[in-house]
PDB file of N, CA and C in Angstrom:
ATOM      1  N   UNK A   1      67.959-141.899  40.537  1.00  0.00           N
ATOM      2  CA  UNK A   1      68.464-140.607  40.529  1.00  0.00           C
ATOM      3  C   UNK A   1      68.536-140.249  42.215  1.00  0.00           C
ATOM      4  N   UNK A   2      69.444-139.357  42.318  1.00  0.00           N
ATOM      5  CA  UNK A   2      69.229-139.119  43.925  1.00  0.00           C
ATOM      6  C   UNK A   2      68.324-138.381  44.308  1.00  0.00           C
ATOM      7  N   UNK A   3      67.707-137.255  43.640  1.00  0.00           N
ATOM      8  CA  UNK A   3      66.316-136.390  43.986  1.00  0.00           C
ATOM      9  C   UNK A   3      65.280-137.073  44.374  1.00  0.00           C
ATOM     10  N   UNK A   4      65.288-138.135  43.328  1.00  0.00           N
ATOM     11  CA  UNK A   4      63.979-139.193  43.599  1.00  0.00           C
ATOM     12  C   UNK A   4      64.070-140.316  44.814  1.00  0.00           C
ATOM     13  N   UNK A   5      65.290-140.675  44.713  1.00  0.00           N
ATOM     14  CA  UNK A   5      65.555-141.949  45.616  1.00  0.00           C
ATOM     15  C   UNK A   5      66.023-141.335  47.217  1.00  0.00           C
ATOM     16  N   UNK A   6      65.146-141.935  48.026  1.00  0.00           N
ATOM     17  CA  UNK A   6      66.174-141.808  49.131  1.00  0.00           C
ATOM     18  C   UNK A   6      65.604-140.361  50.108  1.00  0.00           C
ATOM     19  N   UNK A   7      66.270-140.273  51.376  1.00  0.00           N
ATOM     20  CA  UNK A   7      65.726-138.762  52.062  1.00  0.00           C
ATOM     21  C   UNK A   7      67.114-137.817  51.854  1.00  0.00           C
ATOM     22  N   UNK A   8      67.522-137.385  50.720  1.00  0.00           N
ATOM     23  CA  UNK A   8      68.356-136.453  50.608  1.00  0.00           C
ATOM     24  C   UNK A   8      67.921-135.084  50.533  1.00  0.00           C
ATOM     25  N   UNK A   9      68.371-134.341  51.041  1.00  0.00           N
ATOM     26  CA  UNK A   9      68.057-132.793  51.173  1.00  0.00           C
ATOM     27  C   UNK A   9      68.710-132.236  50.508  1.00  0.00           C
ATOM     28  N   UNK A  10      70.219-132.709  50.257  1.00  0.00           N
ATOM     29  CA  UNK A  10      70.957-131.843  49.447  1.00  0.00           C
ATOM     30  C   UNK A  10      71.623-132.684  48.530  1.00  0.00           C
ATOM     31  N   UNK A  11      71.700-132.333  47.004  1.00  0.00           N
ATOM     32  CA  UNK A  11      72.515-133.186  45.997  1.00  0.00           C
ATOM     33  C   UNK A  11      73.599-131.936  45.641  1.00  0.00           C
ATOM     34  N   UNK A  12      74.627-132.736  45.504  1.00  0.00           N
ATOM     35  CA  UNK A  12      75.717-131.873  44.925  1.00  0.00           C
ATOM     36  C   UNK A  12      76.365-132.545  43.707  1.00  0.00           C
ATOM     37  N   UNK A  13      76.445-131.724  42.674  1.00  0.00           N
ATOM     38  CA  UNK A  13      76.785-132.213  41.356  1.00  0.00           C
ATOM     39  C   UNK A  13      77.617-130.948  40.712  1.00  0.00           C
ATOM     40  N   UNK A  14      78.684-132.029  40.503  1.00  0.00           N
ATOM     41  CA  UNK A  14      79.840-131.038  39.668  1.00  0.00           C
ATOM     42  C   UNK A  14      80.570-130.883  38.073  1.00  0.00           C
ATOM     43  N   UNK A  15      80.826-130.052  37.903  1.00  0.00           N
ATOM     44  CA  UNK A  15      81.245-129.776  36.502  1.00  0.00           C
ATOM     45  C   UNK A  15      80.197-128.895  35.924  1.00  0.00           C
ATOM     46  N   UNK A  16      80.679-128.331  34.866  1.00  0.00           N
ATOM     47  CA  UNK A  16      79.731-127.459  34.099  1.00  0.00           C
ATOM     48  C   UNK A  16      78.767-128.635  33.343  1.00  0.00           C
ATOM     49  N   UNK A  17      79.453-129.666  32.906  1.00  0.00           N
ATOM     50  CA  UNK A  17      78.577-130.808  32.365  1.00  0.00           C
ATOM     51  C   UNK A  17      76.960-130.723  33.006  1.00  0.00           C
ATOM     52  N   UNK A  18      77.032-130.574  34.114  1.00  0.00           N
ATOM     53  CA  UNK A  18      75.560-130.988  35.142  1.00  0.00           C
ATOM     54  C   UNK A  18      74.671-129.774  34.821  1.00  0.00           C
ATOM     55  N   UNK A  19      75.038-128.701  34.553  1.00  0.00           N
ATOM     56  CA  UNK A  19      74.399-127.642  34.698  1.00  0.00           C
ATOM     57  C   UNK A  19      72.855-127.749  33.872  1.00  0.00           C
ATOM     58  N   UNK A  20      72.542-128.406  32.574  1.00  0.00           N
ATOM     59  CA  UNK A  20      71.411-128.437  31.931  1.00  0.00           C
ATOM     60  C   UNK A  20      70.640-129.344  32.465  1.00  0.00           C
ATOM     61  N   UNK A  21      71.112-130.711  33.406  1.00  0.00           N
ATOM     62  CA  UNK A  21      70.421-131.611  34.069  1.00  0.00           C
ATOM     63  C   UNK A  21      69.847-131.015  35.296  1.00  0.00           C
ATOM     64  N   UNK A  22      70.659-130.227  36.082  1.00  0.00           N
ATOM     65  CA  UNK A  22      70.220-129.573  37.391  1.00  0.00           C
ATOM     66  C   UNK A  22      69.140-128.525  36.847  1.00  0.00           C
ATOM     67  N   UNK A  23      69.233-127.935  36.030  1.00  0.00           N
ATOM     68  CA  UNK A  23      68.187-126.823  35.402  1.00  0.00           C
ATOM     69  C   UNK A  23      67.131-127.566  35.147  1.00  0.00           C
ATOM     70  N   UNK A  24      66.716-128.709  34.784  1.00  0.00           N
ATOM     71  CA  UNK A  24      65.761-129.711  34.178  1.00  0.00           C
ATOM     72  C   UNK A  24      65.335-130.409  35.583  1.00  0.00           C
ATOM     73  N   UNK A  25      65.948-130.635  36.408  1.00  0.00           N
ATOM     74  CA  UNK A  25      65.571-131.710  37.563  1.00  0.00           C
ATOM     75  C   UNK A  25      64.931-130.679  38.471  1.00  0.00           C
ATOM     76  N   UNK A  26      65.808-129.489  39.282  1.00  0.00           N
ATOM     77  CA  UNK A  26      65.762-128.850  40.138  1.00  0.00           C
ATOM     78  C   UNK A  26      64.268-128.369  40.219  1.00  0.00           C
ATOM     79  N   UNK A  27      63.514-127.851  39.368  1.00  0.00           N
ATOM     80  CA  UNK A  27      62.187-127.250  39.284  1.00  0.00           C
ATOM     81  C   UNK A  27      61.120-128.522  39.727  1.00  0.00           C
ATOM     82  N   UNK A  28      61.421-129.570  39.401  1.00  0.00           N
ATOM     83  CA  UNK A  28      60.600-130.859  39.844  1.00  0.00           C
ATOM     84  C   UNK A  28      60.594-131.203  41.418  1.00  0.00           C
ATOM     85  N   UNK A  29      61.536-130.798  42.058  1.00  0.00           N
ATOM     86  CA  UNK A  29      61.916-131.047  43.390  1.00  0.00           C
ATOM     87  C   UNK A  29      62.305-129.736  44.126  1.00  0.00           C
ATOM     88  N   UNK A  30      61.273-128.798  44.280  1.00  0.00           N
ATOM     89  CA  UNK A  30      61.463-127.811  45.132  1.00  0.00           C
ATOM     90  C   UNK A  30      61.804-127.620  46.319  1.00  0.00           C
ATOM     91  N   UNK A  31      61.652-128.541  47.208  1.00  0.00           N
ATOM     92  CA  UNK A  31      62.198-128.614  48.582  1.00  0.00           C
ATOM     93  C   UNK A  31      63.616-129.310  49.059  1.00  0.00           C
ATOM     94  N   UNK A  32      64.053-129.737  47.483  1.00  0.00           N
ATOM     95  CA  UNK A  32      65.452-130.250  47.391  1.00  0.00           C
ATOM     96  C   UNK A  32      66.482-128.930  47.444  1.00  0.00           C
ATOM     97  N   UNK A  33      67.436-128.926  47.712  1.00  0.00           N
ATOM     98  CA  UNK A  33      68.736-128.122  47.415  1.00  0.00           C
ATOM     99  C   UNK A  33      69.632-128.820  46.722  1.00  0.00           C
ATOM    100  N   UNK A  34      70.114-128.105  45.628  1.00  0.00           N
ATOM    101  CA  UNK A  34      71.071-128.646  44.625  1.00  0.00           C
ATOM    102  C   UNK A  34      72.239-127.751  44.889  1.00  0.00           C
ATOM    103  N   UNK A  35      73.560-128.339  44.937  1.00  0.00           N
ATOM    104  CA  UNK A  35      74.442-127.415  44.742  1.00  0.00           C
ATOM    105  C   UNK A  35      75.388-128.011  43.659  1.00  0.00           C
ATOM    106  N   UNK A  36      75.735-126.453  42.687  1.00  0.00           N
ATOM    107  CA  UNK A  36      76.301-126.986  41.328  1.00  0.00           C
ATOM    108  C   UNK A  36      77.702-126.392  41.612  1.00  0.00           C
ATOM    109  N   UNK A  37      78.673-126.810  41.485  1.00  0.00           N
ATOM    110  CA  UNK A  37      79.950-126.552  41.724  1.00  0.00           C
ATOM    111  C   UNK A  37      80.745-126.345  40.354  1.00  0.00           C
ATOM    112  N   UNK A  38      81.549-125.287  40.181  1.00  0.00           N
ATOM    113  CA  UNK A  38      82.098-125.411  38.930  1.00  0.00           C
ATOM    114  C   UNK A  38      81.647-124.606  37.429  1.00  0.00           C
ATOM    115  N   UNK A  39      80.512-124.208  37.892  1.00  0.00           N
ATOM    116  CA  UNK A  39      79.639-123.325  36.986  1.00  0.00           C
ATOM    117  C   UNK A  39      78.475-122.700  37.562  1.00  0.00           C
ATOM    118  N   UNK A  40      77.751-121.671  36.964  1.00  0.00           N
ATOM    119  CA  UNK A  40      76.671-121.080  37.466  1.00  0.00           C
ATOM    120  C   UNK A  40      75.435-121.256  36.835  1.00  0.00           C
ATOM    121  N   UNK A  41      74.414-121.518  37.541  1.00  0.00           N
ATOM    122  CA  UNK A  41      73.109-122.111  37.201  1.00  0.00           C
ATOM    123  C   UNK A  41      72.593-120.944  36.464  1.00  0.00           C
ATOM    124  N   UNK A  42      71.356-121.178  35.450  1.00  0.00           N
ATOM    125  CA  UNK A  42      70.706-120.362  34.861  1.00  0.00           C
ATOM    126  C   UNK A  42      69.882-119.540  35.666  1.00  0.00           C
ATOM    127  N   UNK A  43      69.985-118.394  36.513  1.00  0.00           N
ATOM    128  CA  UNK A  43      69.100-117.937  37.232  1.00  0.00           C
ATOM    129  C   UNK A  43      68.260-117.051  36.487  1.00  0.00           C
ATOM    130  N   UNK A  44      68.519-116.391  35.458  1.00  0.00           N
ATOM    131  CA  UNK A  44      67.817-115.589  35.016  1.00  0.00           C
ATOM    132  C   UNK A  44      66.618-116.327  34.249  1.00  0.00           C
ATOM    133  N   UNK A  45      66.560-117.723  33.954  1.00  0.00           N
ATOM    134  CA  UNK A  45      65.318-118.195  33.496  1.00  0.00           C
ATOM    135  C   UNK A  45      64.285-118.365  34.771  1.00  0.00           C
ATOM    136  N   UNK A  46      64.643-118.650  35.799  1.00  0.00           N
ATOM    137  CA  UNK A  46      63.844-118.384  36.917  1.00  0.00           C
ATOM    138  C   UNK A  46      63.606-120.148  37.405  1.00  0.00           C
ATOM    139  N   UNK A  47      64.307-120.930  36.495  1.00  0.00           N
ATOM    140  CA  UNK A  47      64.147-122.324  37.183  1.00  0.00           C
ATOM    141  C   UNK A  47      64.889-122.844  38.011  1.00  0.00           C
ATOM    142  N   UNK A  48      65.861-122.098  38.713  1.00  0.00           N
ATOM    143  CA  UNK A  48      67.053-122.172  39.559  1.00  0.00           C
ATOM    144  C   UNK A  48      67.053-121.698  40.694  1.00  0.00           C
ATOM    145  N   UNK A  49      65.423-121.611  41.615  1.00  0.00           N
ATOM    146  CA  UNK A  49      65.612-120.955  42.790  1.00  0.00           C
ATOM    147  C   UNK A  49      66.128-122.017  44.034  1.00  0.00           C
ATOM    148  N   UNK A  50      65.963-123.213  43.663  1.00  0.00           N
ATOM    149  CA  UNK A  50      66.683-124.089  44.763  1.00  0.00           C
ATOM    150  C   UNK A  50      68.302-124.613  44.568  1.00  0.00           C
ATOM    151  N   UNK A  51      68.662-123.935  43.377  1.00  0.00           N
ATOM    152  CA  UNK A  51      70.024-124.343  43.053  1.00  0.00           C
ATOM    153  C   UNK A  51      70.983-123.578  43.441  1.00  0.00           C
ATOM    154  N   UNK A  52      72.205-123.965  44.347  1.00  0.00           N
ATOM    155  CA  UNK A  52      73.375-122.715  44.710  1.00  0.00           C
ATOM    156  C   UNK A  52      74.562-123.290  43.922  1.00  0.00           C
ATOM    157  N   UNK A  53      75.055-122.021  43.074  1.00  0.00           N
ATOM    158  CA  UNK A  53      76.283-122.145  42.443  1.00  0.00           C
ATOM    159  C   UNK A  53      77.974-121.709  43.185  1.00  0.00           C
ATOM    160  N   UNK A  54      78.516-122.787  42.924  1.00  0.00           N
ATOM    161  CA  UNK A  54      79.895-122.375  43.426  1.00  0.00           C
ATOM    162  C   UNK A  54      80.940-122.463  42.335  1.00  0.00           C
ATOM    163  N   UNK A  55      81.747-121.044  42.434  1.00  0.00           N
ATOM    164  CA  UNK A  55      82.743-121.104  41.320  1.00  0.00           C
ATOM    165  C   UNK A  55      84.037-120.763  42.138  1.00  0.00           C
ATOM    166  N   UNK A  56      84.994-121.426  41.816  1.00  0.00           N
ATOM    167  CA  UNK A  56      86.481-121.122  42.566  1.00  0.00           C
ATOM    168  C   UNK A  56      87.652-121.247  41.467  1.00  0.00           C
ATOM    169  N   UNK A  57      88.679-120.662  41.502  1.00  0.00           N
ATOM    170  CA  UNK A  57      89.667-120.264  40.902  1.00  0.00           C
ATOM    171  C   UNK A  57      90.604-121.527  40.798  1.00  0.00           C
ATOM    172  N   UNK A  58      90.678-122.388  39.986  1.00  0.00           N
ATOM    173  CA  UNK A  58      91.547-123.376  40.135  1.00  0.00           C
ATOM    174  C   UNK A  58      93.072-122.921  40.036  1.00  0.00           C
ATOM    175  N   UNK A  59      93.343-121.692  39.445  1.00  0.00           N
ATOM    176  CA  UNK A  59      94.521-121.313  39.043  1.00  0.00           C
ATOM    177  C   UNK A  59      95.402-120.872  40.510  1.00  0.00           C
ATOM    178  N   UNK A  60      94.332-120.476  41.546  1.00  0.00           N
ATOM    179  CA  UNK A  60      94.846-120.135  42.820  1.00  0.00           C
ATOM    180  C   UNK A  60      95.213-121.506  43.648  1.00  0.00           C
ATOM    181  N   UNK A  61      94.758-122.234  43.226  1.00  0.00           N
ATOM    182  CA  UNK A  61      95.081-123.840  44.214  1.00  0.00           C
ATOM    183  C   UNK A  61      96.769-124.080  43.542  1.00  0.00           C
ATOM    184  N   UNK A  62      96.759-123.787  42.158  1.00  0.00           N
ATOM    185  CA  UNK A  62      97.851-124.458  41.654  1.00  0.00           C
ATOM    186  C   UNK A  62      98.963-123.524  41.947  1.00  0.00           C
ATOM    187  N   UNK A  63      98.824-122.371  42.269  1.00  0.00           N
ATOM    188  CA  UNK A  63      99.790-121.340  42.725  1.00  0.00           C
ATOM    189  C   UNK A  63     100.034-121.803  43.968  1.00  0.00           C
ATOM    190  N   UNK A  64      99.196-121.627  44.940  1.00  0.00           N
ATOM    191  CA  UNK A  64      99.488-122.211  46.324  1.00  0.00           C
ATOM    192  C   UNK A  64     100.386-123.622  46.440  1.00  0.00           C
ATOM    193  N   UNK A  65     100.000-124.544  45.623  1.00  0.00           N
ATOM    194  CA  UNK A  65     100.579-125.880  45.524  1.00  0.00           C
ATOM    195  C   UNK A  65     102.092-125.684  45.040  1.00  0.00           C
ATOM    196  N   UNK A  66     102.550-124.710  44.301  1.00  0.00           N
ATOM    197  CA  UNK A  66     103.612-124.486  43.830  1.00  0.00           C
ATOM    198  C   UNK A  66     104.515-123.483  44.631  1.00  0.00           C
ATOM    199  N   UNK A  67     103.903-122.828  45.245  1.00  0.00           N
ATOM    200  CA  UNK A  67     104.363-122.016  46.156  1.00  0.00           C
ATOM    201  C   UNK A  67     105.272-123.191  47.491  1.00  0.00           C
ATOM    202  N   UNK A  68     104.028-123.908  47.856  1.00  0.00           N
ATOM    203  CA  UNK A  68     104.788-124.696  48.962  1.00  0.00           C
ATOM    204  C   UNK A  68     105.443-125.515  48.923  1.00  0.00           C
ATOM    205  N   UNK A  69     105.275-126.237  47.190  1.00  0.00           N
ATOM    206  CA  UNK A  69     106.595-127.125  46.832  1.00  0.00           C
ATOM    207  C   UNK A  69     107.643-126.319  46.828  1.00  0.00           C
ATOM    208  N   UNK A  70     107.879-125.267  46.365  1.00  0.00           N
ATOM    209  CA  UNK A  70     109.085-124.286  46.608  1.00  0.00           C
ATOM    210  C   UNK A  70     109.506-124.187  47.724  1.00  0.00           C
ATOM    211  N   UNK A  71     108.716-123.652  49.000  1.00  0.00           N
ATOM    212  CA  UNK A  71     109.198-123.650  50.310  1.00  0.00           C
ATOM    213  C   UNK A  71     109.958-125.159  50.835  1.00  0.00           C
ATOM    214  N   UNK A  72     109.390-126.027  50.640  1.00  0.00           N
ATOM    215  CA  UNK A  72     109.708-127.501  51.142  1.00  0.00           C
ATOM    216  C   UNK A  72     110.660-128.223  50.369  1.00  0.00           C
ATOM    217  N   UNK A  73     111.216-127.472  49.220  1.00  0.00           N
ATOM    218  CA  UNK A  73     112.297-128.491  48.056  1.00  0.00           C
ATOM    219  C   UNK A  73     113.371-127.629  48.557  1.00  0.00           C
ATOM    220  N   UNK A  74     114.444-128.648  48.504  1.00  0.00           N
ATOM    221  CA  UNK A  74     116.012-128.292  48.858  1.00  0.00           C
ATOM    222  C   UNK A  74     116.863-127.974  47.509  1.00  0.00           C
TER     223      UNK A  74
END
């Protein structure tokens, strides 16, 4: 496990599937910072003071990719 092994200060976990795992592990390692993307940590429970959540709109990236493809196509 990255939090226990090695000198890592920041642990990045992706997808909503990791939310429960991070909520369980983060309180055990209060000096580490956890980044959870594509979901929001359960801040209301008080367990995730060292967890940062990142959410993004995947539809925005798809729109931009389509727009650029339309501009470069003939």
